[in-house]
Amino acid sequence: MISCLRVTYTGSLASAVKLYASSAITNGTQFNLKVERGTQTTGAFPACGDFAATSTAYDGALGSFPSTYAAGLDGRSAAAAWATSDIVAYRFTVTQNDDPTPNAHTSVQSSGAHDFTWEARNT
């Protein structure tokens, strides 16, 4: 599954923006999540249109994705502060890991629904 979205900062003070999972993740070890930061000017979200990656924020087990602001990922590369009207596009790619025991599952595996939060705190 691949999906894109764009985050616009509308605060008036320079802030650190962090990304983290805001709900429990199902089957987190069975799936990989890659979150890329970039730009996108065309295409209706969640389609990725002309998304161009500029950096990778996360590439690992879905279940290991940070779940608090303190452990969260920087919304921009190099932890740069966000200013009013800054925009970053993100591409989320979820893939299923190889099953170590082929044919061991008798039902469909799902990564479930996921909620993510971008939280801004004044620097």
PDB file of N, CA and C in Angstrom:
ATOM      1  N   MET A   1       0.840  -1.167   0.000  1.00  0.00           N
ATOM      2  CA  MET A   1       0.000   0.000   0.000  1.00  0.00           C
ATOM      3  C   MET A   1       0.889   1.235   0.000  1.00  0.00           C
ATOM      4  N   ILE A   2       0.580   2.163  -0.858  1.00  0.00           N
ATOM      5  CA  ILE A   2       1.304   3.436  -0.913  1.00  0.00           C
ATOM      6  C   ILE A   2       0.284   4.561  -0.840  1.00  0.00           C
ATOM      7  N   SER A   3       0.568   5.536  -0.003  1.00  0.00           N
ATOM      8  CA  SER A   3      -0.324   6.672   0.137  1.00  0.00           C
ATOM      9  C   SER A   3       0.497   7.916   0.457  1.00  0.00           C
ATOM     10  N   CYS A   4       0.056   9.054  -0.057  1.00  0.00           N
ATOM     11  CA  CYS A   4       0.754  10.318   0.188  1.00  0.00           C
ATOM     12  C   CYS A   4      -0.168  11.318   0.865  1.00  0.00           C
ATOM     13  N   LEU A   5       0.420  12.259   1.556  1.00  0.00           N
ATOM     14  CA  LEU A   5      -0.321  13.376   2.139  1.00  0.00           C
ATOM     15  C   LEU A   5       0.615  14.546   2.297  1.00  0.00           C
ATOM     16  N   ARG A   6       0.024  15.702   2.468  1.00  0.00           N
ATOM     17  CA  ARG A   6       0.813  16.930   2.603  1.00  0.00           C
ATOM     18  C   ARG A   6       0.435  17.591   3.930  1.00  0.00           C
ATOM     19  N   VAL A   7       1.461  18.021   4.673  1.00  0.00           N
ATOM     20  CA  VAL A   7       1.262  18.683   5.958  1.00  0.00           C
ATOM     21  C   VAL A   7       1.686  20.139   5.815  1.00  0.00           C
ATOM     22  N   THR A   8       0.798  21.042   6.218  1.00  0.00           N
ATOM     23  CA  THR A   8       1.077  22.474   6.182  1.00  0.00           C
ATOM     24  C   THR A   8       1.076  22.997   7.606  1.00  0.00           C
ATOM     25  N   TYR A   9       2.138  23.695   7.976  1.00  0.00           N
ATOM     26  CA  TYR A   9       2.226  24.277   9.311  1.00  0.00           C
ATOM     27  C   TYR A   9       1.569  25.651   9.288  1.00  0.00           C
ATOM     28  N   THR A  10       0.578  25.851  10.159  1.00  0.00           N
ATOM     29  CA  THR A  10      -0.152  27.124  10.179  1.00  0.00           C
ATOM     30  C   THR A  10       0.085  27.909  11.477  1.00  0.00           C
ATOM     31  N   GLY A  11       0.987  27.429  12.317  1.00  0.00           N
ATOM     32  CA  GLY A  11       1.287  28.146  13.558  1.00  0.00           C
ATOM     33  C   GLY A  11       2.039  29.442  13.274  1.00  0.00           C
ATOM     34  N   SER A  12       2.092  30.311  14.264  1.00  0.00           N
ATOM     35  CA  SER A  12       2.749  31.605  14.076  1.00  0.00           C
ATOM     36  C   SER A  12       4.165  31.644  14.661  1.00  0.00           C
ATOM     37  N   LEU A  13       4.543  30.645  15.457  1.00  0.00           N
ATOM     38  CA  LEU A  13       5.869  30.598  16.070  1.00  0.00           C
ATOM     39  C   LEU A  13       6.686  29.464  15.463  1.00  0.00           C
ATOM     40  N   ALA A  14       7.987  29.665  15.337  1.00  0.00           N
ATOM     41  CA  ALA A  14       8.859  28.594  14.858  1.00  0.00           C
ATOM     42  C   ALA A  14       8.693  27.394  15.784  1.00  0.00           C
ATOM     43  N   SER A  15       8.534  26.210  15.190  1.00  0.00           N
ATOM     44  CA  SER A  15       8.242  25.029  15.994  1.00  0.00           C
ATOM     45  C   SER A  15       8.945  23.787  15.476  1.00  0.00           C
ATOM     46  N   ALA A  16       9.155  22.866  16.397  1.00  0.00           N
ATOM     47  CA  ALA A  16       9.599  21.523  16.029  1.00  0.00           C
ATOM     48  C   ALA A  16       8.336  20.711  15.791  1.00  0.00           C
ATOM     49  N   VAL A  17       8.257  20.038  14.668  1.00  0.00           N
ATOM     50  CA  VAL A  17       7.104  19.197  14.355  1.00  0.00           C
ATOM     51  C   VAL A  17       7.591  17.764  14.325  1.00  0.00           C
ATOM     52  N   LYS A  18       6.917  16.904  15.075  1.00  0.00           N
ATOM     53  CA  LYS A  18       7.298  15.494  15.120  1.00  0.00           C
ATOM     54  C   LYS A  18       6.120  14.621  14.706  1.00  0.00           C
ATOM     55  N   LEU A  19       6.471  13.496  14.115  1.00  0.00           N
ATOM     56  CA  LEU A  19       5.500  12.515  13.628  1.00  0.00           C
ATOM     57  C   LEU A  19       5.596  11.274  14.491  1.00  0.00           C
ATOM     58  N   TYR A  20       4.419  10.771  14.934  1.00  0.00           N
ATOM     59  CA  TYR A  20       4.393   9.523  15.698  1.00  0.00           C
ATOM     60  C   TYR A  20       3.049   8.836  15.506  1.00  0.00           C
ATOM     61  N   ALA A  21       3.010   7.535  15.809  1.00  0.00           N
ATOM     62  CA  ALA A  21       1.765   6.770  15.715  1.00  0.00           C
ATOM     63  C   ALA A  21       0.907   7.129  16.919  1.00  0.00           C
ATOM     64  N   SER A  22      -0.362   7.395  16.674  1.00  0.00           N
ATOM     65  CA  SER A  22      -1.233   7.818  17.771  1.00  0.00           C
ATOM     66  C   SER A  22      -2.199   6.727  18.204  1.00  0.00           C
ATOM     67  N   SER A  23      -2.024   5.509  17.689  1.00  0.00           N
ATOM     68  CA  SER A  23      -2.864   4.395  18.113  1.00  0.00           C
ATOM     69  C   SER A  23      -2.067   3.102  18.011  1.00  0.00           C
ATOM     70  N   ALA A  24      -2.595   2.062  18.634  1.00  0.00           N
ATOM     71  CA  ALA A  24      -1.923   0.760  18.623  1.00  0.00           C
ATOM     72  C   ALA A  24      -1.815   0.230  17.194  1.00  0.00           C
ATOM     73  N   ILE A  25      -0.756  -0.516  16.934  1.00  0.00           N
ATOM     74  CA  ILE A  25      -0.522  -1.079  15.609  1.00  0.00           C
ATOM     75  C   ILE A  25      -0.663  -2.594  15.673  1.00  0.00           C
ATOM     76  N   THR A  26      -1.495  -3.142  14.790  1.00  0.00           N
ATOM     77  CA  THR A  26      -1.749  -4.577  14.721  1.00  0.00           C
ATOM     78  C   THR A  26      -0.692  -5.254  13.846  1.00  0.00           C
ATOM     79  N   ASN A  27      -0.244  -6.431  14.246  1.00  0.00           N
ATOM     80  CA  ASN A  27       0.705  -7.230  13.449  1.00  0.00           C
ATOM     81  C   ASN A  27       1.934  -6.425  13.044  1.00  0.00           C
ATOM     82  N   GLY A  28       2.442  -5.619  13.939  1.00  0.00           N
ATOM     83  CA  GLY A  28       3.538  -4.702  13.626  1.00  0.00           C
ATOM     84  C   GLY A  28       4.830  -5.335  13.185  1.00  0.00           C
ATOM     85  N   THR A  29       5.096  -6.584  13.585  1.00  0.00           N
ATOM     86  CA  THR A  29       6.337  -7.233  13.163  1.00  0.00           C
ATOM     87  C   THR A  29       6.212  -7.871  11.789  1.00  0.00           C
ATOM     88  N   GLN A  30       5.011  -8.016  11.300  1.00  0.00           N
ATOM     89  CA  GLN A  30       4.789  -8.682  10.019  1.00  0.00           C
ATOM     90  C   GLN A  30       4.812  -7.722   8.835  1.00  0.00           C
ATOM     91  N   PHE A  31       4.923  -6.427   9.126  1.00  0.00           N
ATOM     92  CA  PHE A  31       4.879  -5.425   8.068  1.00  0.00           C
ATOM     93  C   PHE A  31       6.014  -4.421   8.232  1.00  0.00           C
ATOM     94  N   ASN A  32       6.461  -3.875   7.125  1.00  0.00           N
ATOM     95  CA  ASN A  32       7.482  -2.838   7.115  1.00  0.00           C
ATOM     96  C   ASN A  32       6.821  -1.520   6.709  1.00  0.00           C
ATOM     97  N   LEU A  33       7.264  -0.437   7.298  1.00  0.00           N
ATOM     98  CA  LEU A  33       6.768   0.897   6.961  1.00  0.00           C
ATOM     99  C   LEU A  33       7.938   1.760   6.527  1.00  0.00           C
ATOM    100  N   LYS A  34       7.779   2.404   5.392  1.00  0.00           N
ATOM    101  CA  LYS A  34       8.765   3.383   4.934  1.00  0.00           C
ATOM    102  C   LYS A  34       8.041   4.717   4.818  1.00  0.00           C
ATOM    103  N   VAL A  35       8.575   5.734   5.495  1.00  0.00           N
ATOM    104  CA  VAL A  35       8.021   7.087   5.440  1.00  0.00           C
ATOM    105  C   VAL A  35       9.079   7.985   4.817  1.00  0.00           C
ATOM    106  N   GLU A  36       8.722   8.577   3.679  1.00  0.00           N
ATOM    107  CA  GLU A  36       9.646   9.479   2.991  1.00  0.00           C
ATOM    108  C   GLU A  36       9.098  10.894   3.032  1.00  0.00           C
ATOM    109  N   ARG A  37       9.978  11.862   3.217  1.00  0.00           N
ATOM    110  CA  ARG A  37       9.629  13.278   3.127  1.00  0.00           C
ATOM    111  C   ARG A  37       9.919  13.723   1.704  1.00  0.00           C
ATOM    112  N   GLY A  38       9.162  14.715   1.237  1.00  0.00           N
ATOM    113  CA  GLY A  38       9.438  15.205  -0.106  1.00  0.00           C
ATOM    114  C   GLY A  38       8.550  16.356  -0.497  1.00  0.00           C
ATOM    115  N   THR A  39       8.360  16.473  -1.797  1.00  0.00           N
ATOM    116  CA  THR A  39       7.503  17.517  -2.364  1.00  0.00           C
ATOM    117  C   THR A  39       6.492  16.865  -3.296  1.00  0.00           C
ATOM    118  N   GLN A  40       5.374  17.528  -3.459  1.00  0.00           N
ATOM    119  CA  GLN A  40       4.342  17.072  -4.385  1.00  0.00           C
ATOM    120  C   GLN A  40       3.490  18.272  -4.756  1.00  0.00           C
ATOM    121  N   THR A  41       3.330  18.475  -6.061  1.00  0.00           N
ATOM    122  CA  THR A  41       2.529  19.616  -6.515  1.00  0.00           C
ATOM    123  C   THR A  41       1.300  19.200  -7.301  1.00  0.00           C
ATOM    124  N   THR A  42       1.284  17.957  -7.800  1.00  0.00           N
ATOM    125  CA  THR A  42       0.118  17.501  -8.575  1.00  0.00           C
ATOM    126  C   THR A  42      -0.424  16.210  -8.002  1.00  0.00           C
ATOM    127  N   GLY A  43      -1.670  15.938  -8.331  1.00  0.00           N
ATOM    128  CA  GLY A  43      -2.319  14.708  -7.881  1.00  0.00           C
ATOM    129  C   GLY A  43      -3.133  14.954  -6.634  1.00  0.00           C
ATOM    130  N   ALA A  44      -4.280  14.306  -6.583  1.00  0.00           N
ATOM    131  CA  ALA A  44      -5.165  14.441  -5.424  1.00  0.00           C
ATOM    132  C   ALA A  44      -4.732  13.435  -4.361  1.00  0.00           C
ATOM    133  N   PHE A  45      -4.515  13.909  -3.153  1.00  0.00           N
ATOM    134  CA  PHE A  45      -4.128  13.026  -2.063  1.00  0.00           C
ATOM    135  C   PHE A  45      -5.289  12.093  -1.767  1.00  0.00           C
ATOM    136  N   PRO A  46      -5.081  10.827  -1.484  1.00  0.00           N
ATOM    137  CA  PRO A  46      -3.837  10.177  -1.104  1.00  0.00           C
ATOM    138  C   PRO A  46      -2.996   9.665  -2.283  1.00  0.00           C
ATOM    139  N   ALA A  47      -3.387   9.946  -3.518  1.00  0.00           N
ATOM    140  CA  ALA A  47      -2.543   9.569  -4.657  1.00  0.00           C
ATOM    141  C   ALA A  47      -1.227  10.336  -4.563  1.00  0.00           C
ATOM    142  N   CYS A  48      -0.175   9.772  -5.127  1.00  0.00           N
ATOM    143  CA  CYS A  48       1.150  10.365  -4.964  1.00  0.00           C
ATOM    144  C   CYS A  48       1.579  11.266  -6.118  1.00  0.00           C
ATOM    145  N   GLY A  49       0.768  11.401  -7.177  1.00  0.00           N
ATOM    146  CA  GLY A  49       1.060  12.351  -8.250  1.00  0.00           C
ATOM    147  C   GLY A  49       2.531  12.437  -8.593  1.00  0.00           C
ATOM    148  N   ASP A  50       3.114  13.625  -8.479  1.00  0.00           N
ATOM    149  CA  ASP A  50       4.530  13.842  -8.812  1.00  0.00           C
ATOM    150  C   ASP A  50       5.414  13.885  -7.565  1.00  0.00           C
ATOM    151  N   PHE A  51       5.078  13.087  -6.550  1.00  0.00           N
ATOM    152  CA  PHE A  51       5.855  13.063  -5.315  1.00  0.00           C
ATOM    153  C   PHE A  51       7.327  12.826  -5.635  1.00  0.00           C
ATOM    154  N   ALA A  52       8.195  13.641  -5.037  1.00  0.00           N
ATOM    155  CA  ALA A  52       9.641  13.487  -5.185  1.00  0.00           C
ATOM    156  C   ALA A  52      10.250  13.424  -3.790  1.00  0.00           C
ATOM    157  N   ALA A  53      10.832  12.295  -3.446  1.00  0.00           N
ATOM    158  CA  ALA A  53      11.433  12.117  -2.119  1.00  0.00           C
ATOM    159  C   ALA A  53      12.675  12.974  -1.963  1.00  0.00           C
ATOM    160  N   THR A  54      12.825  13.581  -0.782  1.00  0.00           N
ATOM    161  CA  THR A  54      14.030  14.342  -0.454  1.00  0.00           C
ATOM    162  C   THR A  54      14.810  13.688   0.682  1.00  0.00           C
ATOM    163  N   SER A  55      14.135  12.867   1.491  1.00  0.00           N
ATOM    164  CA  SER A  55      14.804  12.147   2.576  1.00  0.00           C
ATOM    165  C   SER A  55      13.882  11.045   3.080  1.00  0.00           C
ATOM    166  N   THR A  56      14.456  10.108   3.802  1.00  0.00           N
ATOM    167  CA  THR A  56      13.683   9.032   4.418  1.00  0.00           C
ATOM    168  C   THR A  56      13.614   9.290   5.915  1.00  0.00           C
ATOM    169  N   ALA A  57      12.396   9.369   6.436  1.00  0.00           N
ATOM    170  CA  ALA A  57      12.199   9.615   7.864  1.00  0.00           C
ATOM    171  C   ALA A  57      12.228   8.316   8.654  1.00  0.00           C
ATOM    172  N   TYR A  58      11.757   7.220   8.036  1.00  0.00           N
ATOM    173  CA  TYR A  58      11.676   5.940   8.741  1.00  0.00           C
ATOM    174  C   TYR A  58      11.631   4.823   7.719  1.00  0.00           C
ATOM    175  N   ASP A  59      12.306   3.716   8.037  1.00  0.00           N
ATOM    176  CA  ASP A  59      12.249   2.515   7.205  1.00  0.00           C
ATOM    177  C   ASP A  59      12.524   1.338   8.125  1.00  0.00           C
ATOM    178  N   GLY A  60      11.451   0.710   8.616  1.00  0.00           N
ATOM    179  CA  GLY A  60      11.616  -0.377   9.570  1.00  0.00           C
ATOM    180  C   GLY A  60      10.298  -1.050   9.880  1.00  0.00           C
ATOM    181  N   ALA A  61      10.304  -1.867  10.924  1.00  0.00           N
ATOM    182  CA  ALA A  61       9.105  -2.596  11.329  1.00  0.00           C
ATOM    183  C   ALA A  61       7.989  -1.624  11.712  1.00  0.00           C
ATOM    184  N   LEU A  62       6.811  -1.911  11.220  1.00  0.00           N
ATOM    185  CA  LEU A  62       5.649  -1.070  11.523  1.00  0.00           C
ATOM    186  C   LEU A  62       5.439  -0.973  13.027  1.00  0.00           C
ATOM    187  N   GLY A  63       5.618  -2.082  13.737  1.00  0.00           N
ATOM    188  CA  GLY A  63       5.402  -2.101  15.181  1.00  0.00           C
ATOM    189  C   GLY A  63       6.437  -1.338  15.986  1.00  0.00           C
ATOM    190  N   SER A  64       7.555  -0.980  15.365  1.00  0.00           N
ATOM    191  CA  SER A  64       8.607  -0.223  16.056  1.00  0.00           C
ATOM    192  C   SER A  64       8.507   1.274  15.810  1.00  0.00           C
ATOM    193  N   PHE A  65       7.488   1.697  15.066  1.00  0.00           N
ATOM    194  CA  PHE A  65       7.323   3.118  14.778  1.00  0.00           C
ATOM    195  C   PHE A  65       7.076   3.860  16.088  1.00  0.00           C
ATOM    196  N   PRO A  66       7.705   5.021  16.301  1.00  0.00           N
ATOM    197  CA  PRO A  66       7.534   5.765  17.562  1.00  0.00           C
ATOM    198  C   PRO A  66       6.062   6.055  17.866  1.00  0.00           C
ATOM    199  N   SER A  67       5.734   6.045  19.162  1.00  0.00           N
ATOM    200  CA  SER A  67       4.338   6.275  19.561  1.00  0.00           C
ATOM    201  C   SER A  67       4.183   7.431  20.544  1.00  0.00           C
ATOM    202  N   THR A  68       5.212   8.254  20.691  1.00  0.00           N
ATOM    203  CA  THR A  68       5.123   9.440  21.553  1.00  0.00           C
ATOM    204  C   THR A  68       5.841  10.604  20.873  1.00  0.00           C
ATOM    205  N   TYR A  69       5.507  11.801  21.293  1.00  0.00           N
ATOM    206  CA  TYR A  69       6.182  12.985  20.753  1.00  0.00           C
ATOM    207  C   TYR A  69       7.681  12.916  21.040  1.00  0.00           C
ATOM    208  N   ALA A  70       8.045  12.550  22.266  1.00  0.00           N
ATOM    209  CA  ALA A  70       9.456  12.521  22.662  1.00  0.00           C
ATOM    210  C   ALA A  70      10.282  11.604  21.762  1.00  0.00           C
ATOM    211  N   ALA A  71       9.715  10.485  21.339  1.00  0.00           N
ATOM    212  CA  ALA A  71      10.428   9.531  20.485  1.00  0.00           C
ATOM    213  C   ALA A  71      10.137   9.763  19.005  1.00  0.00           C
ATOM    214  N   GLY A  72       9.257  10.714  18.718  1.00  0.00           N
ATOM    215  CA  GLY A  72       8.791  10.938  17.348  1.00  0.00           C
ATOM    216  C   GLY A  72       9.872  11.314  16.360  1.00  0.00           C
ATOM    217  N   LEU A  73       9.522  11.203  15.091  1.00  0.00           N
ATOM    218  CA  LEU A  73      10.431  11.523  13.999  1.00  0.00           C
ATOM    219  C   LEU A  73      10.319  12.996  13.647  1.00  0.00           C
ATOM    220  N   ASP A  74      11.445  13.608  13.338  1.00  0.00           N
ATOM    221  CA  ASP A  74      11.412  15.006  12.926  1.00  0.00           C
ATOM    222  C   ASP A  74      10.612  15.149  11.644  1.00  0.00           C
ATOM    223  N   GLY A  75       9.726  16.134  11.616  1.00  0.00           N
ATOM    224  CA  GLY A  75       8.883  16.360  10.454  1.00  0.00           C
ATOM    225  C   GLY A  75       9.655  16.802   9.227  1.00  0.00           C
ATOM    226  N   ARG A  76      10.809  17.394   9.437  1.00  0.00           N
ATOM    227  CA  ARG A  76      11.688  17.805   8.340  1.00  0.00           C
ATOM    228  C   ARG A  76      13.052  17.190   8.592  1.00  0.00           C
ATOM    229  N   SER A  77      13.792  16.984   7.535  1.00  0.00           N
ATOM    230  CA  SER A  77      15.129  16.444   7.724  1.00  0.00           C
ATOM    231  C   SER A  77      15.986  17.466   8.469  1.00  0.00           C
ATOM    232  N   ALA A  78      16.972  16.989   9.176  1.00  0.00           N
ATOM    233  CA  ALA A  78      17.898  17.818   9.955  1.00  0.00           C
ATOM    234  C   ALA A  78      17.197  18.582  11.073  1.00  0.00           C
ATOM    235  N   ALA A  79      16.002  18.149  11.461  1.00  0.00           N
ATOM    236  CA  ALA A  79      15.273  18.749  12.577  1.00  0.00           C
ATOM    237  C   ALA A  79      15.110  20.259  12.446  1.00  0.00           C
ATOM    238  N   ALA A  80      15.000  20.744  11.224  1.00  0.00           N
ATOM    239  CA  ALA A  80      14.835  22.182  10.997  1.00  0.00           C
ATOM    240  C   ALA A  80      13.493  22.656  11.556  1.00  0.00           C
ATOM    241  N   ALA A  81      13.493  23.834  12.162  1.00  0.00           N
ATOM    242  CA  ALA A  81      12.253  24.405  12.691  1.00  0.00           C
ATOM    243  C   ALA A  81      11.300  24.736  11.547  1.00  0.00           C
ATOM    244  N   TRP A  82      10.024  24.586  11.820  1.00  0.00           N
ATOM    245  CA  TRP A  82       8.993  24.922  10.842  1.00  0.00           C
ATOM    246  C   TRP A  82       8.558  26.372  11.066  1.00  0.00           C
ATOM    247  N   ALA A  83       8.290  27.067   9.993  1.00  0.00           N
ATOM    248  CA  ALA A  83       7.759  28.430  10.036  1.00  0.00           C
ATOM    249  C   ALA A  83       6.370  28.425   9.409  1.00  0.00           C
ATOM    250  N   THR A  84       5.615  29.479   9.647  1.00  0.00           N
ATOM    251  CA  THR A  84       4.270  29.584   9.095  1.00  0.00           C
ATOM    252  C   THR A  84       4.271  29.307   7.596  1.00  0.00           C
ATOM    253  N   SER A  85       3.342  28.466   7.164  1.00  0.00           N
ATOM    254  CA  SER A  85       3.114  28.089   5.768  1.00  0.00           C
ATOM    255  C   SER A  85       4.134  27.106   5.196  1.00  0.00           C
ATOM    256  N   ASP A  86       5.036  26.555   6.017  1.00  0.00           N
ATOM    257  CA  ASP A  86       5.918  25.499   5.525  1.00  0.00           C
ATOM    258  C   ASP A  86       5.078  24.281   5.170  1.00  0.00           C
ATOM    259  N   ILE A  87       5.463  23.587   4.106  1.00  0.00           N
ATOM    260  CA  ILE A  87       4.734  22.419   3.626  1.00  0.00           C
ATOM    261  C   ILE A  87       5.720  21.280   3.376  1.00  0.00           C
ATOM    262  N   VAL A  88       5.370  20.084   3.842  1.00  0.00           N
ATOM    263  CA  VAL A  88       6.142  18.882   3.541  1.00  0.00           C
ATOM    264  C   VAL A  88       5.154  17.807   3.109  1.00  0.00           C
ATOM    265  N   ALA A  89       5.460  17.140   2.006  1.00  0.00           N
ATOM    266  CA  ALA A  89       4.657  16.000   1.560  1.00  0.00           C
ATOM    267  C   ALA A  89       5.317  14.739   2.098  1.00  0.00           C
ATOM    268  N   TYR A  90       4.502  13.728   2.376  1.00  0.00           N
ATOM    269  CA  TYR A  90       4.990  12.461   2.889  1.00  0.00           C
ATOM    270  C   TYR A  90       4.428  11.325   2.045  1.00  0.00           C
ATOM    271  N   ARG A  91       5.274  10.303   1.820  1.00  0.00           N
ATOM    272  CA  ARG A  91       4.809   9.084   1.155  1.00  0.00           C
ATOM    273  C   ARG A  91       4.992   7.940   2.154  1.00  0.00           C
ATOM    274  N   PHE A  92       3.887   7.254   2.459  1.00  0.00           N
ATOM    275  CA  PHE A  92       3.876   6.096   3.350  1.00  0.00           C
ATOM    276  C   PHE A  92       3.749   4.841   2.496  1.00  0.00           C
ATOM    277  N   THR A  93       4.688   3.909   2.678  1.00  0.00           N
ATOM    278  CA  THR A  93       4.643   2.651   1.944  1.00  0.00           C
ATOM    279  C   THR A  93       4.673   1.510   2.952  1.00  0.00           C
ATOM    280  N   VAL A  94       3.639   0.666   2.929  1.00  0.00           N
ATOM    281  CA  VAL A  94       3.562  -0.493   3.815  1.00  0.00           C
ATOM    282  C   VAL A  94       3.730  -1.746   2.963  1.00  0.00           C
ATOM    283  N   THR A  95       4.663  -2.606   3.369  1.00  0.00           N
ATOM    284  CA  THR A  95       4.878  -3.875   2.678  1.00  0.00           C
ATOM    285  C   THR A  95       4.845  -5.004   3.697  1.00  0.00           C
ATOM    286  N   GLN A  96       4.418  -6.172   3.241  1.00  0.00           N
ATOM    287  CA  GLN A  96       4.394  -7.336   4.127  1.00  0.00           C
ATOM    288  C   GLN A  96       5.738  -8.039   4.063  1.00  0.00           C
ATOM    289  N   ASN A  97       6.258  -8.398   5.229  1.00  0.00           N
ATOM    290  CA  ASN A  97       7.517  -9.133   5.299  1.00  0.00           C
ATOM    291  C   ASN A  97       7.298 -10.571   4.853  1.00  0.00           C
ATOM    292  N   ASP A  98       8.365 -11.208   4.388  1.00  0.00           N
ATOM    293  CA  ASP A  98       8.282 -12.619   4.021  1.00  0.00           C
ATOM    294  C   ASP A  98       7.881 -13.440   5.234  1.00  0.00           C
ATOM    295  N   ASP A  99       7.046 -14.431   5.010  1.00  0.00           N
ATOM    296  CA  ASP A  99       6.600 -15.322   6.072  1.00  0.00           C
ATOM    297  C   ASP A  99       7.686 -16.367   6.325  1.00  0.00           C
ATOM    298  N   PRO A 100       8.243 -16.445   7.542  1.00  0.00           N
ATOM    299  CA  PRO A 100       9.306 -17.409   7.806  1.00  0.00           C
ATOM    300  C   PRO A 100       8.828 -18.869   7.740  1.00  0.00           C
ATOM    301  N   THR A 101       7.532 -19.073   7.896  1.00  0.00           N
ATOM    302  CA  THR A 101       6.971 -20.414   7.821  1.00  0.00           C
ATOM    303  C   THR A 101       5.923 -20.428   6.710  1.00  0.00           C
ATOM    304  N   PRO A 102       6.327 -20.751   5.480  1.00  0.00           N
ATOM    305  CA  PRO A 102       5.379 -20.731   4.365  1.00  0.00           C
ATOM    306  C   PRO A 102       4.142 -21.578   4.646  1.00  0.00           C
ATOM    307  N   ASN A 103       3.010 -21.070   4.212  1.00  0.00           N
ATOM    308  CA  ASN A 103       1.713 -21.744   4.338  1.00  0.00           C
ATOM    309  C   ASN A 103       1.272 -21.962   5.783  1.00  0.00           C
ATOM    310  N   ALA A 104       1.867 -21.223   6.726  1.00  0.00           N
ATOM    311  CA  ALA A 104       1.511 -21.396   8.135  1.00  0.00           C
ATOM    312  C   ALA A 104       0.222 -20.658   8.488  1.00  0.00           C
ATOM    313  N   HIS A 105      -0.135 -19.658   7.718  1.00  0.00           N
ATOM    314  CA  HIS A 105      -1.329 -18.875   8.021  1.00  0.00           C
ATOM    315  C   HIS A 105      -2.517 -19.374   7.209  1.00  0.00           C
ATOM    316  N   THR A 106      -3.637 -19.464   7.859  1.00  0.00           N
ATOM    317  CA  THR A 106      -4.849 -19.896   7.173  1.00  0.00           C
ATOM    318  C   THR A 106      -5.819 -18.751   6.966  1.00  0.00           C
ATOM    319  N   SER A 107      -5.438 -17.553   7.397  1.00  0.00           N
ATOM    320  CA  SER A 107      -6.295 -16.391   7.213  1.00  0.00           C
ATOM    321  C   SER A 107      -5.460 -15.224   6.688  1.00  0.00           C
ATOM    322  N   VAL A 108      -6.134 -14.242   6.157  1.00  0.00           N
ATOM    323  CA  VAL A 108      -5.466 -13.066   5.614  1.00  0.00           C
ATOM    324  C   VAL A 108      -4.829 -12.277   6.750  1.00  0.00           C
ATOM    325  N   GLN A 109      -3.606 -11.819   6.525  1.00  0.00           N
ATOM    326  CA  GLN A 109      -2.928 -10.987   7.504  1.00  0.00           C
ATOM    327  C   GLN A 109      -3.179  -9.526   7.155  1.00  0.00           C
ATOM    328  N   SER A 110      -3.404  -8.715   8.148  1.00  0.00           N
ATOM    329  CA  SER A 110      -3.676  -7.301   7.930  1.00  0.00           C
ATOM    330  C   SER A 110      -2.823  -6.466   8.868  1.00  0.00           C
ATOM    331  N   SER A 111      -2.392  -5.325   8.374  1.00  0.00           N
ATOM    332  CA  SER A 111      -1.658  -4.407   9.241  1.00  0.00           C
ATOM    333  C   SER A 111      -2.622  -3.526  10.024  1.00  0.00           C
ATOM    334  N   GLY A 112      -3.910  -3.636   9.750  1.00  0.00           N
ATOM    335  CA  GLY A 112      -4.918  -2.871  10.478  1.00  0.00           C
ATOM    336  C   GLY A 112      -4.959  -1.411  10.054  1.00  0.00           C
ATOM    337  N   ALA A 113      -5.758  -0.633  10.764  1.00  0.00           N
ATOM    338  CA  ALA A 113      -5.860   0.807  10.521  1.00  0.00           C
ATOM    339  C   ALA A 113      -4.824   1.511  11.387  1.00  0.00           C
ATOM    340  N   HIS A 114      -4.291   2.616  10.880  1.00  0.00           N
ATOM    341  CA  HIS A 114      -3.250   3.334  11.610  1.00  0.00           C
ATOM    342  C   HIS A 114      -3.572   4.816  11.653  1.00  0.00           C
ATOM    343  N   ASP A 115      -3.311   5.412  12.799  1.00  0.00           N
ATOM    344  CA  ASP A 115      -3.473   6.850  12.960  1.00  0.00           C
ATOM    345  C   ASP A 115      -2.110   7.436  13.289  1.00  0.00           C
ATOM    346  N   PHE A 116      -1.769   8.528  12.613  1.00  0.00           N
ATOM    347  CA  PHE A 116      -0.504   9.192  12.851  1.00  0.00           C
ATOM    348  C   PHE A 116      -0.767  10.631  13.245  1.00  0.00           C
ATOM    349  N   THR A 117       0.112  11.180  14.068  1.00  0.00           N
ATOM    350  CA  THR A 117      -0.023  12.549  14.562  1.00  0.00           C
ATOM    351  C   THR A 117       1.228  13.336  14.206  1.00  0.00           C
ATOM    352  N   TRP A 118       1.022  14.546  13.730  1.00  0.00           N
ATOM    353  CA  TRP A 118       2.092  15.514  13.581  1.00  0.00           C
ATOM    354  C   TRP A 118       1.832  16.550  14.662  1.00  0.00           C
ATOM    355  N   GLU A 119       2.737  16.669  15.596  1.00  0.00           N
ATOM    356  CA  GLU A 119       2.557  17.592  16.718  1.00  0.00           C
ATOM    357  C   GLU A 119       3.635  18.652  16.683  1.00  0.00           C
ATOM    358  N   ALA A 120       3.215  19.908  16.821  1.00  0.00           N
ATOM    359  CA  ALA A 120       4.148  21.037  16.810  1.00  0.00           C
ATOM    360  C   ALA A 120       4.319  21.583  18.216  1.00  0.00           C
ATOM    361  N   ARG A 121       5.574  21.832  18.558  1.00  0.00           N
ATOM    362  CA  ARG A 121       5.898  22.480  19.840  1.00  0.00           C
ATOM    363  C   ARG A 121       6.877  23.597  19.561  1.00  0.00           C
ATOM    364  N   ASN A 122       6.589  24.753  20.113  1.00  0.00           N
ATOM    365  CA  ASN A 122       7.440  25.927  19.922  1.00  0.00           C
ATOM    366  C   ASN A 122       8.864  25.641  20.389  1.00  0.00           C
ATOM    367  N   THR A 123       9.832  26.046  19.540  1.00  0.00           N
ATOM    368  CA  THR A 123      11.240  25.779  19.885  1.00  0.00           C
ATOM    369  C   THR A 123      11.851  26.891  20.711  1.00  0.00           C
TER     370      THR A 123
END
